[in-house]
Amino acid sequence: MGQADDYTDLYREYLPRILNFVRLRVDGEDLAQDLAAAVFERAVAKQHTLRDPAAFGAWLFRIARNVVAGYYRKRRLTVPLDHASAHPVANPSPPEAVMHQEELRQVREALAQLSEREQEIIQLKFGGGLGNQEIAEVMGLRAGHVAVILYRALRKLRADLEKE
């Protein structure tokens, strides 16, 4: 198998996770797809900077963070988590669509109460599907610290959502 085949396999494996992560950070499916594509374009251009192939996932998510940050920096905005697009439900019935939108609103409001670091760890964990060690590599933290922050953030979210 050649290098192009290896990259194609990695693209197929990581695209859904990168796209989910970006969807949580930006408003609009088209924009999310454009930025996810930019992540992979940058990864191809900078593949020579990857020192350890085993760290590909963390390296790719660092690129994704930088692409999203660059997008907002160009527009002089901050990441609008309270307006983040969620993965749409395929052909929901009208009552399901209303319930889904209400649940998303509640989750967005609860997420907005967390610190930026807590929000980003949750986005990497659930949007990007990363493990604690990978999140630690992306964010420059220790895996144990990520686990503690994640535990506390989820406990805060749960408490906030149970109030509603």
N, C-alpha and C. Protein backbone atom coordinates (compact mmCIF):
# COMPACT_ATOMS: atom_id res chain seq x y z
N MET A 1 0.85 -1.17 0.00
CA MET A 1 0.00 0.00 0.00
C MET A 1 0.90 1.24 0.00
N GLY A 2 0.61 2.21 -0.83
CA GLY A 2 1.42 3.41 -0.96
C GLY A 2 0.98 4.48 0.00
N GLN A 3 1.73 5.60 0.01
CA GLN A 3 1.43 6.71 0.90
C GLN A 3 0.06 7.32 0.60
N ALA A 4 -0.32 7.40 -0.67
CA ALA A 4 -1.63 7.96 -1.04
C ALA A 4 -2.75 7.09 -0.48
N ASP A 5 -2.58 5.77 -0.55
CA ASP A 5 -3.59 4.85 0.00
C ASP A 5 -3.69 5.01 1.51
N ASP A 6 -2.54 5.16 2.18
CA ASP A 6 -2.54 5.35 3.63
C ASP A 6 -3.30 6.63 3.99
N TYR A 7 -3.05 7.69 3.23
CA TYR A 7 -3.71 8.96 3.51
C TYR A 7 -5.21 8.86 3.25
N THR A 8 -5.60 8.15 2.21
CA THR A 8 -7.02 7.97 1.91
C THR A 8 -7.72 7.25 3.06
N ASP A 9 -7.08 6.23 3.61
CA ASP A 9 -7.65 5.50 4.74
C ASP A 9 -7.78 6.40 5.96
N LEU A 10 -6.76 7.20 6.23
CA LEU A 10 -6.81 8.13 7.36
C LEU A 10 -7.89 9.18 7.15
N TYR A 11 -8.03 9.66 5.92
CA TYR A 11 -9.07 10.64 5.60
C TYR A 11 -10.45 10.05 5.89
N ARG A 12 -10.68 8.84 5.43
CA ARG A 12 -11.99 8.19 5.67
C ARG A 12 -12.24 7.99 7.16
N GLU A 13 -11.20 7.65 7.89
CA GLU A 13 -11.35 7.41 9.32
C GLU A 13 -11.61 8.70 10.10
N TYR A 14 -10.89 9.76 9.76
CA TYR A 14 -10.95 10.99 10.56
C TYR A 14 -11.94 12.03 10.06
N LEU A 15 -12.37 11.98 8.82
CA LEU A 15 -13.28 13.00 8.31
C LEU A 15 -14.54 13.15 9.15
N PRO A 16 -15.27 12.09 9.49
CA PRO A 16 -16.48 12.29 10.30
C PRO A 16 -16.19 12.94 11.65
N ARG A 17 -15.08 12.58 12.26
CA ARG A 17 -14.74 13.13 13.57
C ARG A 17 -14.34 14.59 13.47
N ILE A 18 -13.55 14.93 12.47
CA ILE A 18 -13.15 16.33 12.27
C ILE A 18 -14.38 17.16 11.94
N LEU A 19 -15.24 16.64 11.08
CA LEU A 19 -16.45 17.37 10.68
C LEU A 19 -17.35 17.60 11.90
N ASN A 20 -17.53 16.61 12.74
CA ASN A 20 -18.35 16.79 13.96
C ASN A 20 -17.74 17.85 14.87
N PHE A 21 -16.42 17.81 15.03
CA PHE A 21 -15.74 18.80 15.86
C PHE A 21 -15.97 20.21 15.31
N VAL A 22 -15.80 20.37 14.01
CA VAL A 22 -15.95 21.69 13.39
C VAL A 22 -17.41 22.13 13.47
N ARG A 23 -18.36 21.21 13.29
CA ARG A 23 -19.79 21.56 13.39
C ARG A 23 -20.13 22.18 14.74
N LEU A 24 -19.46 21.72 15.79
CA LEU A 24 -19.72 22.26 17.12
C LEU A 24 -19.11 23.64 17.31
N ARG A 25 -18.22 24.03 16.43
CA ARG A 25 -17.51 25.30 16.58
C ARG A 25 -18.02 26.40 15.66
N VAL A 26 -18.71 26.04 14.58
CA VAL A 26 -19.18 27.06 13.63
C VAL A 26 -20.66 26.90 13.35
N ASP A 27 -21.24 27.94 12.78
CA ASP A 27 -22.66 27.94 12.47
C ASP A 27 -22.85 27.68 10.98
N GLY A 28 -23.44 26.56 10.64
CA GLY A 28 -23.75 26.27 9.24
C GLY A 28 -23.02 25.06 8.72
N GLU A 29 -23.76 24.17 8.09
CA GLU A 29 -23.19 22.93 7.57
C GLU A 29 -22.20 23.18 6.44
N ASP A 30 -22.51 24.10 5.53
CA ASP A 30 -21.60 24.37 4.42
C ASP A 30 -20.26 24.89 4.93
N LEU A 31 -20.31 25.79 5.88
CA LEU A 31 -19.08 26.33 6.46
C LEU A 31 -18.29 25.22 7.15
N ALA A 32 -18.97 24.37 7.90
CA ALA A 32 -18.30 23.26 8.59
C ALA A 32 -17.60 22.36 7.59
N GLN A 33 -18.27 22.05 6.49
CA GLN A 33 -17.66 21.18 5.48
C GLN A 33 -16.46 21.86 4.81
N ASP A 34 -16.58 23.15 4.55
CA ASP A 34 -15.47 23.89 3.94
C ASP A 34 -14.25 23.91 4.87
N LEU A 35 -14.49 24.16 6.15
CA LEU A 35 -13.39 24.20 7.10
C LEU A 35 -12.78 22.82 7.32
N ALA A 36 -13.60 21.78 7.34
CA ALA A 36 -13.08 20.42 7.47
C ALA A 36 -12.19 20.09 6.27
N ALA A 37 -12.62 20.50 5.09
CA ALA A 37 -11.79 20.28 3.89
C ALA A 37 -10.47 21.04 4.03
N ALA A 38 -10.53 22.25 4.57
CA ALA A 38 -9.31 23.05 4.76
C ALA A 38 -8.36 22.36 5.74
N VAL A 39 -8.91 21.67 6.73
CA VAL A 39 -8.08 20.94 7.68
C VAL A 39 -7.26 19.89 6.95
N PHE A 40 -7.92 19.12 6.09
CA PHE A 40 -7.21 18.06 5.38
C PHE A 40 -6.26 18.62 4.33
N GLU A 41 -6.61 19.74 3.71
CA GLU A 41 -5.69 20.38 2.77
C GLU A 41 -4.42 20.81 3.50
N ARG A 42 -4.59 21.42 4.67
CA ARG A 42 -3.43 21.85 5.44
C ARG A 42 -2.62 20.64 5.92
N ALA A 43 -3.31 19.55 6.28
CA ALA A 43 -2.61 18.35 6.74
C ALA A 43 -1.73 17.78 5.62
N VAL A 44 -2.26 17.77 4.40
CA VAL A 44 -1.47 17.27 3.27
C VAL A 44 -0.25 18.17 3.05
N ALA A 45 -0.48 19.48 3.11
CA ALA A 45 0.61 20.42 2.88
C ALA A 45 1.67 20.35 3.98
N LYS A 46 1.27 20.02 5.19
CA LYS A 46 2.19 20.02 6.33
C LYS A 46 2.53 18.63 6.83
N GLN A 47 2.26 17.61 6.02
CA GLN A 47 2.50 16.25 6.50
C GLN A 47 3.95 16.00 6.87
N HIS A 48 4.86 16.77 6.31
CA HIS A 48 6.28 16.63 6.65
C HIS A 48 6.58 17.05 8.08
N THR A 49 5.67 17.79 8.73
CA THR A 49 5.89 18.23 10.10
C THR A 49 5.45 17.20 11.14
N LEU A 50 4.77 16.16 10.70
CA LEU A 50 4.32 15.10 11.62
C LEU A 50 5.51 14.21 11.95
N ARG A 51 6.00 14.32 13.18
CA ARG A 51 7.18 13.56 13.58
C ARG A 51 6.86 12.12 13.95
N ASP A 52 5.71 11.92 14.59
CA ASP A 52 5.33 10.59 15.07
C ASP A 52 4.01 10.19 14.43
N PRO A 53 4.02 9.25 13.48
CA PRO A 53 2.77 8.85 12.82
C PRO A 53 1.71 8.35 13.80
N ALA A 54 2.10 7.86 14.96
CA ALA A 54 1.14 7.40 15.96
C ALA A 54 0.35 8.56 16.55
N ALA A 55 0.86 9.77 16.41
CA ALA A 55 0.20 10.95 16.96
C ALA A 55 -0.63 11.68 15.90
N PHE A 56 -0.96 11.00 14.81
CA PHE A 56 -1.67 11.63 13.70
C PHE A 56 -2.98 12.27 14.14
N GLY A 57 -3.78 11.59 14.95
CA GLY A 57 -5.07 12.11 15.37
C GLY A 57 -4.95 13.42 16.13
N ALA A 58 -4.08 13.45 17.12
CA ALA A 58 -3.89 14.68 17.90
C ALA A 58 -3.36 15.80 17.00
N TRP A 59 -2.43 15.48 16.12
CA TRP A 59 -1.86 16.46 15.19
C TRP A 59 -2.95 17.03 14.29
N LEU A 60 -3.82 16.16 13.79
CA LEU A 60 -4.91 16.60 12.91
C LEU A 60 -5.91 17.49 13.65
N PHE A 61 -6.22 17.16 14.89
CA PHE A 61 -7.15 17.99 15.66
C PHE A 61 -6.52 19.33 16.05
N ARG A 62 -5.19 19.37 16.24
CA ARG A 62 -4.54 20.66 16.45
C ARG A 62 -4.69 21.52 15.19
N ILE A 63 -4.55 20.92 14.04
CA ILE A 63 -4.76 21.65 12.78
C ILE A 63 -6.20 22.15 12.72
N ALA A 64 -7.17 21.30 13.08
CA ALA A 64 -8.58 21.69 13.06
C ALA A 64 -8.82 22.88 13.99
N ARG A 65 -8.26 22.85 15.18
CA ARG A 65 -8.40 23.98 16.11
C ARG A 65 -7.85 25.25 15.48
N ASN A 66 -6.69 25.13 14.84
CA ASN A 66 -6.06 26.30 14.22
C ASN A 66 -6.86 26.81 13.04
N VAL A 67 -7.43 25.92 12.24
CA VAL A 67 -8.23 26.35 11.09
C VAL A 67 -9.47 27.11 11.56
N VAL A 68 -10.15 26.58 12.57
CA VAL A 68 -11.34 27.26 13.10
C VAL A 68 -10.96 28.59 13.73
N ALA A 69 -9.89 28.61 14.51
CA ALA A 69 -9.44 29.86 15.13
C ALA A 69 -9.07 30.88 14.06
N GLY A 70 -8.42 30.43 13.00
CA GLY A 70 -8.07 31.33 11.90
C GLY A 70 -9.29 31.90 11.21
N TYR A 71 -10.30 31.07 11.06
CA TYR A 71 -11.56 31.53 10.46
C TYR A 71 -12.15 32.68 11.28
N TYR A 72 -12.22 32.48 12.60
CA TYR A 72 -12.79 33.52 13.46
C TYR A 72 -11.87 34.73 13.59
N ARG A 73 -10.58 34.50 13.58
CA ARG A 73 -9.64 35.61 13.67
C ARG A 73 -9.80 36.53 12.45
N LYS A 74 -9.99 35.94 11.30
CA LYS A 74 -10.18 36.73 10.08
C LYS A 74 -11.45 37.57 10.16
N ARG A 75 -12.42 37.09 10.86
CA ARG A 75 -13.69 37.80 10.98
C ARG A 75 -13.82 38.57 12.28
N ARG A 76 -12.75 38.50 13.10
CA ARG A 76 -12.72 39.20 14.39
C ARG A 76 -13.92 38.86 15.26
N LEU A 77 -14.23 37.56 15.31
CA LEU A 77 -15.33 37.07 16.13
C LEU A 77 -14.79 36.06 17.12
N THR A 78 -15.62 35.72 18.09
CA THR A 78 -15.29 34.62 18.98
C THR A 78 -16.16 33.44 18.58
N VAL A 79 -15.80 32.27 19.04
CA VAL A 79 -16.54 31.06 18.69
C VAL A 79 -17.93 31.13 19.30
N PRO A 80 -19.00 31.15 18.49
CA PRO A 80 -20.36 31.26 19.02
C PRO A 80 -20.96 29.90 19.36
N LEU A 81 -20.58 29.33 20.49
CA LEU A 81 -21.09 28.00 20.84
C LEU A 81 -22.61 27.99 21.00
N ASP A 82 -23.16 29.11 21.43
CA ASP A 82 -24.61 29.12 21.62
C ASP A 82 -25.35 29.10 20.28
N HIS A 83 -24.63 29.28 19.17
CA HIS A 83 -25.26 29.20 17.85
C HIS A 83 -24.72 28.04 17.03
N ALA A 84 -23.99 27.14 17.67
CA ALA A 84 -23.36 26.05 16.92
C ALA A 84 -24.41 25.16 16.28
N SER A 85 -24.13 24.76 15.07
CA SER A 85 -25.03 23.86 14.37
C SER A 85 -24.82 22.45 14.88
N ALA A 86 -25.89 21.72 14.98
CA ALA A 86 -25.80 20.33 15.40
C ALA A 86 -26.02 19.44 14.19
N HIS A 87 -25.66 18.21 14.36
CA HIS A 87 -25.85 17.25 13.29
C HIS A 87 -27.35 17.08 13.07
N PRO A 88 -27.88 17.39 11.90
CA PRO A 88 -29.32 17.33 11.69
C PRO A 88 -29.87 15.90 11.73
N VAL A 89 -31.09 15.80 12.22
CA VAL A 89 -31.79 14.52 12.22
C VAL A 89 -32.39 14.33 10.84
N ALA A 90 -32.25 13.14 10.26
CA ALA A 90 -32.76 12.88 8.92
C ALA A 90 -34.28 12.78 8.94
N ASN A 91 -34.94 13.66 8.20
CA ASN A 91 -36.39 13.67 8.02
C ASN A 91 -37.19 13.49 9.31
N PRO A 92 -37.01 14.37 10.29
CA PRO A 92 -37.80 14.20 11.51
C PRO A 92 -39.24 14.64 11.28
N SER A 93 -40.15 14.06 12.06
CA SER A 93 -41.53 14.51 12.00
C SER A 93 -41.58 15.89 12.67
N PRO A 94 -42.63 16.69 12.42
CA PRO A 94 -42.69 18.02 13.05
C PRO A 94 -42.54 18.00 14.57
N PRO A 95 -43.23 17.10 15.30
CA PRO A 95 -43.02 17.09 16.76
C PRO A 95 -41.59 16.71 17.14
N GLU A 96 -41.00 15.76 16.41
CA GLU A 96 -39.61 15.37 16.70
C GLU A 96 -38.67 16.53 16.45
N ALA A 97 -38.91 17.28 15.38
CA ALA A 97 -38.05 18.42 15.06
C ALA A 97 -38.13 19.47 16.15
N VAL A 98 -39.31 19.74 16.65
CA VAL A 98 -39.49 20.73 17.72
C VAL A 98 -38.77 20.26 18.99
N MET A 99 -38.96 18.98 19.34
CA MET A 99 -38.31 18.43 20.53
C MET A 99 -36.79 18.49 20.38
N HIS A 100 -36.30 18.13 19.19
CA HIS A 100 -34.86 18.13 18.93
C HIS A 100 -34.30 19.54 19.09
N GLN A 101 -34.97 20.53 18.53
CA GLN A 101 -34.51 21.92 18.62
C GLN A 101 -34.51 22.40 20.07
N GLU A 102 -35.52 22.02 20.84
CA GLU A 102 -35.59 22.41 22.24
C GLU A 102 -34.46 21.77 23.05
N GLU A 103 -34.19 20.50 22.78
CA GLU A 103 -33.10 19.82 23.47
C GLU A 103 -31.77 20.48 23.13
N LEU A 104 -31.57 20.81 21.85
CA LEU A 104 -30.33 21.48 21.44
C LEU A 104 -30.18 22.83 22.11
N ARG A 105 -31.27 23.57 22.21
CA ARG A 105 -31.23 24.88 22.86
C ARG A 105 -30.79 24.73 24.31
N GLN A 106 -31.37 23.74 25.01
CA GLN A 106 -31.02 23.53 26.41
C GLN A 106 -29.56 23.14 26.56
N VAL A 107 -29.08 22.27 25.69
CA VAL A 107 -27.68 21.85 25.77
C VAL A 107 -26.75 23.03 25.47
N ARG A 108 -27.09 23.82 24.46
CA ARG A 108 -26.26 24.99 24.13
C ARG A 108 -26.21 25.97 25.30
N GLU A 109 -27.35 26.21 25.94
CA GLU A 109 -27.37 27.12 27.09
C GLU A 109 -26.52 26.56 28.23
N ALA A 110 -26.61 25.26 28.47
CA ALA A 110 -25.82 24.65 29.53
C ALA A 110 -24.33 24.71 29.18
N LEU A 111 -23.98 24.45 27.94
CA LEU A 111 -22.58 24.52 27.50
C LEU A 111 -22.02 25.93 27.66
N ALA A 112 -22.83 26.92 27.38
CA ALA A 112 -22.38 28.31 27.47
C ALA A 112 -22.01 28.69 28.89
N GLN A 113 -22.48 27.95 29.89
CA GLN A 113 -22.16 28.24 31.28
C GLN A 113 -20.78 27.72 31.67
N LEU A 114 -20.20 26.87 30.83
CA LEU A 114 -18.89 26.29 31.13
C LEU A 114 -17.78 27.22 30.65
N SER A 115 -16.58 27.00 31.16
CA SER A 115 -15.43 27.79 30.70
C SER A 115 -15.09 27.38 29.27
N GLU A 116 -14.31 28.21 28.59
CA GLU A 116 -13.91 27.89 27.21
C GLU A 116 -13.14 26.58 27.17
N ARG A 117 -12.27 26.35 28.14
CA ARG A 117 -11.49 25.11 28.17
C ARG A 117 -12.40 23.90 28.35
N GLU A 118 -13.37 24.01 29.26
CA GLU A 118 -14.31 22.90 29.46
C GLU A 118 -15.11 22.64 28.17
N GLN A 119 -15.56 23.70 27.52
CA GLN A 119 -16.31 23.56 26.27
C GLN A 119 -15.47 22.86 25.22
N GLU A 120 -14.22 23.27 25.09
CA GLU A 120 -13.37 22.68 24.06
C GLU A 120 -13.08 21.21 24.34
N ILE A 121 -12.87 20.87 25.59
CA ILE A 121 -12.63 19.46 25.93
C ILE A 121 -13.86 18.62 25.60
N ILE A 122 -15.04 19.13 25.92
CA ILE A 122 -16.27 18.40 25.59
C ILE A 122 -16.43 18.28 24.08
N GLN A 123 -16.10 19.34 23.34
CA GLN A 123 -16.19 19.28 21.87
C GLN A 123 -15.23 18.26 21.29
N LEU A 124 -14.01 18.22 21.81
CA LEU A 124 -13.04 17.24 21.32
C LEU A 124 -13.46 15.82 21.68
N LYS A 125 -14.00 15.65 22.88
CA LYS A 125 -14.39 14.32 23.34
C LYS A 125 -15.59 13.79 22.56
N PHE A 126 -16.65 14.60 22.48
CA PHE A 126 -17.88 14.10 21.91
C PHE A 126 -18.07 14.49 20.44
N GLY A 127 -17.58 15.64 20.05
CA GLY A 127 -17.65 16.04 18.66
C GLY A 127 -16.57 15.39 17.83
N GLY A 128 -15.36 15.33 18.40
CA GLY A 128 -14.23 14.77 17.68
C GLY A 128 -13.98 13.31 17.97
N GLY A 129 -14.60 12.79 19.02
CA GLY A 129 -14.42 11.37 19.35
C GLY A 129 -13.03 11.04 19.85
N LEU A 130 -12.33 12.01 20.43
CA LEU A 130 -10.98 11.77 20.91
C LEU A 130 -11.00 11.20 22.32
N GLY A 131 -9.97 10.44 22.62
CA GLY A 131 -9.77 9.94 23.97
C GLY A 131 -9.06 11.00 24.80
N ASN A 132 -8.98 10.78 26.10
CA ASN A 132 -8.37 11.76 26.99
C ASN A 132 -6.90 12.01 26.64
N GLN A 133 -6.16 10.98 26.27
CA GLN A 133 -4.75 11.16 25.92
C GLN A 133 -4.61 12.03 24.67
N GLU A 134 -5.46 11.79 23.68
CA GLU A 134 -5.41 12.61 22.46
C GLU A 134 -5.80 14.05 22.76
N ILE A 135 -6.81 14.24 23.59
CA ILE A 135 -7.22 15.61 23.97
C ILE A 135 -6.07 16.30 24.68
N ALA A 136 -5.39 15.57 25.56
CA ALA A 136 -4.25 16.13 26.28
C ALA A 136 -3.17 16.59 25.31
N GLU A 137 -2.90 15.80 24.29
CA GLU A 137 -1.90 16.16 23.29
C GLU A 137 -2.33 17.39 22.51
N VAL A 138 -3.61 17.46 22.15
CA VAL A 138 -4.11 18.61 21.40
C VAL A 138 -4.02 19.88 22.22
N MET A 139 -4.36 19.79 23.50
CA MET A 139 -4.48 20.99 24.34
C MET A 139 -3.25 21.28 25.19
N GLY A 140 -2.26 20.40 25.13
CA GLY A 140 -1.05 20.63 25.91
C GLY A 140 -1.26 20.42 27.40
N LEU A 141 -2.10 19.45 27.75
CA LEU A 141 -2.37 19.12 29.16
C LEU A 141 -1.96 17.68 29.43
N ARG A 142 -2.03 17.28 30.68
CA ARG A 142 -1.83 15.87 31.02
C ARG A 142 -3.18 15.15 30.91
N ALA A 143 -3.15 13.88 30.55
CA ALA A 143 -4.38 13.10 30.37
C ALA A 143 -5.20 13.06 31.66
N GLY A 144 -4.54 12.95 32.79
CA GLY A 144 -5.25 12.93 34.07
C GLY A 144 -5.98 14.24 34.33
N HIS A 145 -5.37 15.34 33.93
CA HIS A 145 -5.99 16.65 34.09
C HIS A 145 -7.21 16.77 33.19
N VAL A 146 -7.09 16.26 31.96
CA VAL A 146 -8.24 16.26 31.04
C VAL A 146 -9.39 15.47 31.65
N ALA A 147 -9.09 14.31 32.22
CA ALA A 147 -10.14 13.47 32.81
C ALA A 147 -10.86 14.20 33.93
N VAL A 148 -10.11 14.91 34.78
CA VAL A 148 -10.72 15.65 35.89
C VAL A 148 -11.60 16.79 35.36
N ILE A 149 -11.06 17.56 34.40
CA ILE A 149 -11.83 18.67 33.83
C ILE A 149 -13.10 18.15 33.16
N LEU A 150 -12.98 17.07 32.41
CA LEU A 150 -14.13 16.49 31.73
C LEU A 150 -15.17 16.01 32.73
N TYR A 151 -14.74 15.31 33.77
CA TYR A 151 -15.66 14.82 34.79
C TYR A 151 -16.43 15.98 35.43
N ARG A 152 -15.71 17.01 35.82
CA ARG A 152 -16.35 18.16 36.47
C ARG A 152 -17.28 18.91 35.52
N ALA A 153 -16.85 19.05 34.27
CA ALA A 153 -17.68 19.76 33.28
C ALA A 153 -18.97 18.99 33.01
N LEU A 154 -18.87 17.68 32.88
CA LEU A 154 -20.07 16.87 32.64
C LEU A 154 -21.00 16.90 33.85
N ARG A 155 -20.42 16.92 35.04
CA ARG A 155 -21.23 17.02 36.25
C ARG A 155 -21.98 18.36 36.28
N LYS A 156 -21.31 19.44 35.90
CA LYS A 156 -21.96 20.76 35.82
C LYS A 156 -23.08 20.75 34.78
N LEU A 157 -22.78 20.17 33.61
CA LEU A 157 -23.79 20.10 32.55
C LEU A 157 -25.01 19.33 33.02
N ARG A 158 -24.79 18.18 33.61
CA ARG A 158 -25.89 17.34 34.09
C ARG A 158 -26.74 18.09 35.10
N ALA A 159 -26.10 18.77 36.04
CA ALA A 159 -26.83 19.52 37.06
C ALA A 159 -27.64 20.64 36.42
N ASP A 160 -27.05 21.33 35.47
CA ASP A 160 -27.74 22.43 34.79
C ASP A 160 -28.92 21.91 33.98
N LEU A 161 -28.74 20.80 33.29
CA LEU A 161 -29.83 20.25 32.46
C LEU A 161 -30.94 19.64 33.31
N GLU A 162 -30.61 19.12 34.46
CA GLU A 162 -31.65 18.55 35.33
C GLU A 162 -32.52 19.63 35.95
N LYS A 163 -32.01 20.86 36.04
CA LYS A 163 -32.80 21.97 36.56
C LYS A 163 -33.95 22.32 35.63
N GLU A 164 -33.77 22.10 34.35
CA GLU A 164 -34.76 22.53 33.35
C GLU A 164 -35.91 21.57 33.23
